Amino acid sequence: MTRGNSSKSGSHSSCNKTRVGEGEISEILNENYSVVKFPNGIKVEEGDIVEKVK
């Protein structure tokens, strides 16, 4: 999981990702959504980005 700090410059915005932790996919709901379980101590907030490790 990464947490982004966004900043706006004119009509463009950018995001700097910071690695927060790792979790495990426990259920795939559909093509776009999955249920992910994170270890205790990892706080997930609205706007956080969860990416699959390739």
PDB file of N, CA and C in Angstrom:
ATOM      1  N   MET A   1       0.843  -1.154   0.000  1.00  0.00           N
ATOM      2  CA  MET A   1       0.000   0.000   0.000  1.00  0.00           C
ATOM      3  C   MET A   1       0.894   1.223   0.000  1.00  0.00           C
ATOM      4  N   THR A   2       0.484   2.242  -0.717  1.00  0.00           N
ATOM      5  CA  THR A   2       1.225   3.486  -0.728  1.00  0.00           C
ATOM      6  C   THR A   2       0.290   4.625  -0.352  1.00  0.00           C
ATOM      7  N   ARG A   3       0.862   5.662   0.176  1.00  0.00           N
ATOM      8  CA  ARG A   3       0.101   6.861   0.513  1.00  0.00           C
ATOM      9  C   ARG A   3       0.695   7.987  -0.300  1.00  0.00           C
ATOM     10  N   GLY A   4      -0.156   8.725  -0.984  1.00  0.00           N
ATOM     11  CA  GLY A   4       0.332   9.783  -1.855  1.00  0.00           C
ATOM     12  C   GLY A   4       0.097  11.159  -1.279  1.00  0.00           C
ATOM     13  N   ASN A   5       1.064  12.031  -1.462  1.00  0.00           N
ATOM     14  CA  ASN A   5       0.918  13.440  -1.124  1.00  0.00           C
ATOM     15  C   ASN A   5       0.729  14.170  -2.436  1.00  0.00           C
ATOM     16  N   SER A   6      -0.476  14.689  -2.663  1.00  0.00           N
ATOM     17  CA  SER A   6      -0.732  15.334  -3.936  1.00  0.00           C
ATOM     18  C   SER A   6      -0.507  16.825  -3.824  1.00  0.00           C
ATOM     19  N   SER A   7      -0.107  17.396  -4.942  1.00  0.00           N
ATOM     20  CA  SER A   7       0.062  18.837  -5.016  1.00  0.00           C
ATOM     21  C   SER A   7      -0.446  19.293  -6.370  1.00  0.00           C
ATOM     22  N   LYS A   8      -1.037  20.475  -6.399  1.00  0.00           N
ATOM     23  CA  LYS A   8      -1.581  21.004  -7.651  1.00  0.00           C
ATOM     24  C   LYS A   8      -0.731  22.163  -8.115  1.00  0.00           C
ATOM     25  N   SER A   9      -0.487  22.164  -9.409  1.00  0.00           N
ATOM     26  CA  SER A   9       0.287  23.242 -10.024  1.00  0.00           C
ATOM     27  C   SER A   9      -0.479  23.662 -11.272  1.00  0.00           C
ATOM     28  N   GLY A  10      -1.206  24.760 -11.200  1.00  0.00           N
ATOM     29  CA  GLY A  10      -2.029  25.165 -12.336  1.00  0.00           C
ATOM     30  C   GLY A  10      -3.134  24.157 -12.557  1.00  0.00           C
ATOM     31  N   SER A  11      -3.215  23.613 -13.760  1.00  0.00           N
ATOM     32  CA  SER A  11      -4.262  22.641 -14.064  1.00  0.00           C
ATOM     33  C   SER A  11      -3.758  21.210 -13.914  1.00  0.00           C
ATOM     34  N   HIS A  12      -2.515  21.027 -13.473  1.00  0.00           N
ATOM     35  CA  HIS A  12      -1.938  19.695 -13.327  1.00  0.00           C
ATOM     36  C   HIS A  12      -1.765  19.355 -11.848  1.00  0.00           C
ATOM     37  N   SER A  13      -1.864  18.086 -11.544  1.00  0.00           N
ATOM     38  CA  SER A  13      -1.587  17.649 -10.185  1.00  0.00           C
ATOM     39  C   SER A  13      -0.627  16.477 -10.240  1.00  0.00           C
ATOM     40  N   SER A  14       0.142  16.292  -9.175  1.00  0.00           N
ATOM     41  CA  SER A  14       1.088  15.186  -9.113  1.00  0.00           C
ATOM     42  C   SER A  14       0.961  14.510  -7.755  1.00  0.00           C
ATOM     43  N   CYS A  15       1.480  13.296  -7.681  1.00  0.00           N
ATOM     44  CA  CYS A  15       1.381  12.525  -6.451  1.00  0.00           C
ATOM     45  C   CYS A  15       2.716  11.849  -6.185  1.00  0.00           C
ATOM     46  N   ASN A  16       3.237  12.004  -4.986  1.00  0.00           N
ATOM     47  CA  ASN A  16       4.453  11.321  -4.571  1.00  0.00           C
ATOM     48  C   ASN A  16       4.041  10.159  -3.685  1.00  0.00           C
ATOM     49  N   LYS A  17       4.368   8.938  -4.106  1.00  0.00           N
ATOM     50  CA  LYS A  17       3.975   7.749  -3.352  1.00  0.00           C
ATOM     51  C   LYS A  17       5.001   7.417  -2.283  1.00  0.00           C
ATOM     52  N   THR A  18       4.503   7.011  -1.113  1.00  0.00           N
ATOM     53  CA  THR A  18       5.335   6.571  -0.008  1.00  0.00           C
ATOM     54  C   THR A  18       4.866   5.188   0.411  1.00  0.00           C
ATOM     55  N   ARG A  19       5.773   4.226   0.451  1.00  0.00           N
ATOM     56  CA  ARG A  19       5.402   2.869   0.843  1.00  0.00           C
ATOM     57  C   ARG A  19       5.023   2.854   2.320  1.00  0.00           C
ATOM     58  N   VAL A  20       3.850   2.299   2.620  1.00  0.00           N
ATOM     59  CA  VAL A  20       3.332   2.268   3.988  1.00  0.00           C
ATOM     60  C   VAL A  20       3.394   0.859   4.561  1.00  0.00           C
ATOM     61  N   GLY A  21       3.130  -0.151   3.734  1.00  0.00           N
ATOM     62  CA  GLY A  21       3.152  -1.519   4.225  1.00  0.00           C
ATOM     63  C   GLY A  21       2.662  -2.496   3.177  1.00  0.00           C
ATOM     64  N   GLU A  22       2.545  -3.748   3.575  1.00  0.00           N
ATOM     65  CA  GLU A  22       2.090  -4.803   2.692  1.00  0.00           C
ATOM     66  C   GLU A  22       0.873  -5.486   3.289  1.00  0.00           C
ATOM     67  N   GLY A  23       0.031  -6.028   2.416  1.00  0.00           N
ATOM     68  CA  GLY A  23      -1.136  -6.768   2.846  1.00  0.00           C
ATOM     69  C   GLY A  23      -1.309  -8.000   1.985  1.00  0.00           C
ATOM     70  N   GLU A  24      -2.370  -8.734   2.238  1.00  0.00           N
ATOM     71  CA  GLU A  24      -2.638  -9.961   1.494  1.00  0.00           C
ATOM     72  C   GLU A  24      -4.059  -9.912   0.951  1.00  0.00           C
ATOM     73  N   ILE A  25      -4.210 -10.222  -0.328  1.00  0.00           N
ATOM     74  CA  ILE A  25      -5.535 -10.268  -0.931  1.00  0.00           C
ATOM     75  C   ILE A  25      -6.265 -11.481  -0.370  1.00  0.00           C
ATOM     76  N   SER A  26      -7.413 -11.244   0.257  1.00  0.00           N
ATOM     77  CA  SER A  26      -8.175 -12.346   0.838  1.00  0.00           C
ATOM     78  C   SER A  26      -9.357 -12.751  -0.038  1.00  0.00           C
ATOM     79  N   GLU A  27      -9.810 -11.836  -0.900  1.00  0.00           N
ATOM     80  CA  GLU A  27     -10.937 -12.152  -1.780  1.00  0.00           C
ATOM     81  C   GLU A  27     -10.916 -11.223  -2.984  1.00  0.00           C
ATOM     82  N   ILE A  28     -11.087 -11.766  -4.165  1.00  0.00           N
ATOM     83  CA  ILE A  28     -11.218 -10.966  -5.382  1.00  0.00           C
ATOM     84  C   ILE A  28     -12.705 -10.801  -5.646  1.00  0.00           C
ATOM     85  N   LEU A  29     -13.177  -9.545  -5.652  1.00  0.00           N
ATOM     86  CA  LEU A  29     -14.597  -9.277  -5.841  1.00  0.00           C
ATOM     87  C   LEU A  29     -14.974  -9.215  -7.319  1.00  0.00           C
ATOM     88  N   ASN A  30     -14.159  -8.525  -8.111  1.00  0.00           N
ATOM     89  CA  ASN A  30     -14.368  -8.436  -9.547  1.00  0.00           C
ATOM     90  C   ASN A  30     -13.072  -7.941 -10.189  1.00  0.00           C
ATOM     91  N   GLU A  31     -13.137  -7.519 -11.432  1.00  0.00           N
ATOM     92  CA  GLU A  31     -11.948  -7.087 -12.169  1.00  0.00           C
ATOM     93  C   GLU A  31     -11.243  -5.895 -11.524  1.00  0.00           C
ATOM     94  N   ASN A  32     -11.996  -5.062 -10.813  1.00  0.00           N
ATOM     95  CA  ASN A  32     -11.442  -3.821 -10.264  1.00  0.00           C
ATOM     96  C   ASN A  32     -11.284  -3.786  -8.748  1.00  0.00           C
ATOM     97  N   TYR A  33     -11.940  -4.698  -8.035  1.00  0.00           N
ATOM     98  CA  TYR A  33     -11.953  -4.614  -6.576  1.00  0.00           C
ATOM     99  C   TYR A  33     -11.584  -5.933  -5.910  1.00  0.00           C
ATOM    100  N   SER A  34     -10.836  -5.826  -4.809  1.00  0.00           N
ATOM    101  CA  SER A  34     -10.467  -6.983  -3.997  1.00  0.00           C
ATOM    102  C   SER A  34     -10.546  -6.591  -2.529  1.00  0.00           C
ATOM    103  N   VAL A  35     -10.671  -7.592  -1.672  1.00  0.00           N
ATOM    104  CA  VAL A  35     -10.602  -7.377  -0.228  1.00  0.00           C
ATOM    105  C   VAL A  35      -9.167  -7.669   0.182  1.00  0.00           C
ATOM    106  N   VAL A  36      -8.541  -6.711   0.863  1.00  0.00           N
ATOM    107  CA  VAL A  36      -7.144  -6.852   1.273  1.00  0.00           C
ATOM    108  C   VAL A  36      -7.068  -6.768   2.789  1.00  0.00           C
ATOM    109  N   LYS A  37      -6.339  -7.689   3.397  1.00  0.00           N
ATOM    110  CA  LYS A  37      -6.128  -7.666   4.844  1.00  0.00           C
ATOM    111  C   LYS A  37      -4.708  -7.170   5.110  1.00  0.00           C
ATOM    112  N   PHE A  38      -4.601  -6.217   6.029  1.00  0.00           N
ATOM    113  CA  PHE A  38      -3.318  -5.647   6.408  1.00  0.00           C
ATOM    114  C   PHE A  38      -2.984  -6.044   7.834  1.00  0.00           C
ATOM    115  N   PRO A  39      -1.698  -6.183   8.154  1.00  0.00           N
ATOM    116  CA  PRO A  39      -1.301  -6.489   9.538  1.00  0.00           C
ATOM    117  C   PRO A  39      -1.719  -5.363  10.495  1.00  0.00           C
ATOM    118  N   ASN A  40      -1.846  -5.705  11.771  1.00  0.00           N
ATOM    119  CA  ASN A  40      -2.147  -4.693  12.786  1.00  0.00           C
ATOM    120  C   ASN A  40      -1.123  -3.577  12.720  1.00  0.00           C
ATOM    121  N   GLY A  41      -1.586  -2.357  12.900  1.00  0.00           N
ATOM    122  CA  GLY A  41      -0.691  -1.210  12.904  1.00  0.00           C
ATOM    123  C   GLY A  41      -0.657  -0.468  11.577  1.00  0.00           C
ATOM    124  N   ILE A  42      -1.148  -1.074  10.513  1.00  0.00           N
ATOM    125  CA  ILE A  42      -1.191  -0.398   9.217  1.00  0.00           C
ATOM    126  C   ILE A  42      -2.551   0.264   9.091  1.00  0.00           C
ATOM    127  N   LYS A  43      -2.551   1.570   9.003  1.00  0.00           N
ATOM    128  CA  LYS A  43      -3.782   2.342   8.915  1.00  0.00           C
ATOM    129  C   LYS A  43      -4.076   2.646   7.448  1.00  0.00           C
ATOM    130  N   VAL A  44      -5.279   2.291   7.006  1.00  0.00           N
ATOM    131  CA  VAL A  44      -5.717   2.582   5.645  1.00  0.00           C
ATOM    132  C   VAL A  44      -6.677   3.755   5.713  1.00  0.00           C
ATOM    133  N   GLU A  45      -6.412   4.764   4.888  1.00  0.00           N
ATOM    134  CA  GLU A  45      -7.233   5.966   4.884  1.00  0.00           C
ATOM    135  C   GLU A  45      -7.857   6.157   3.510  1.00  0.00           C
ATOM    136  N   GLU A  46      -8.952   6.893   3.457  1.00  0.00           N
ATOM    137  CA  GLU A  46      -9.574   7.217   2.180  1.00  0.00           C
ATOM    138  C   GLU A  46      -8.556   7.933   1.302  1.00  0.00           C
ATOM    139  N   GLY A  47      -8.440   7.517   0.059  1.00  0.00           N
ATOM    140  CA  GLY A  47      -7.486   8.119  -0.866  1.00  0.00           C
ATOM    141  C   GLY A  47      -6.183   7.348  -0.976  1.00  0.00           C
ATOM    142  N   ASP A  48      -5.954   6.380  -0.079  1.00  0.00           N
ATOM    143  CA  ASP A  48      -4.746   5.553  -0.178  1.00  0.00           C
ATOM    144  C   ASP A  48      -4.821   4.692  -1.435  1.00  0.00           C
ATOM    145  N   ILE A  49      -3.684   4.392  -1.993  1.00  0.00           N
ATOM    146  CA  ILE A  49      -3.592   3.581  -3.204  1.00  0.00           C
ATOM    147  C   ILE A  49      -3.052   2.214  -2.825  1.00  0.00           C
ATOM    148  N   VAL A  50      -3.736   1.183  -3.279  1.00  0.00           N
ATOM    149  CA  VAL A  50      -3.257  -0.186  -3.057  1.00  0.00           C
ATOM    150  C   VAL A  50      -2.889  -0.749  -4.412  1.00  0.00           C
ATOM    151  N   GLU A  51      -1.635  -1.181  -4.540  1.00  0.00           N
ATOM    152  CA  GLU A  51      -1.142  -1.698  -5.823  1.00  0.00           C
ATOM    153  C   GLU A  51      -0.649  -3.119  -5.672  1.00  0.00           C
ATOM    154  N   LYS A  52      -0.903  -3.916  -6.692  1.00  0.00           N
ATOM    155  CA  LYS A  52      -0.412  -5.282  -6.729  1.00  0.00           C
ATOM    156  C   LYS A  52       1.076  -5.270  -7.043  1.00  0.00           C
ATOM    157  N   VAL A  53       1.843  -6.052  -6.287  1.00  0.00           N
ATOM    158  CA  VAL A  53       3.271  -6.181  -6.539  1.00  0.00           C
ATOM    159  C   VAL A  53       3.456  -7.130  -7.702  1.00  0.00           C
ATOM    160  N   LYS A  54       4.246  -6.718  -8.669  1.00  0.00           N
ATOM    161  CA  LYS A  54       4.441  -7.541  -9.868  1.00  0.00           C
ATOM    162  C   LYS A  54       5.696  -8.342  -9.782  1.00  0.00           C
TER     163      LYS A  54
END
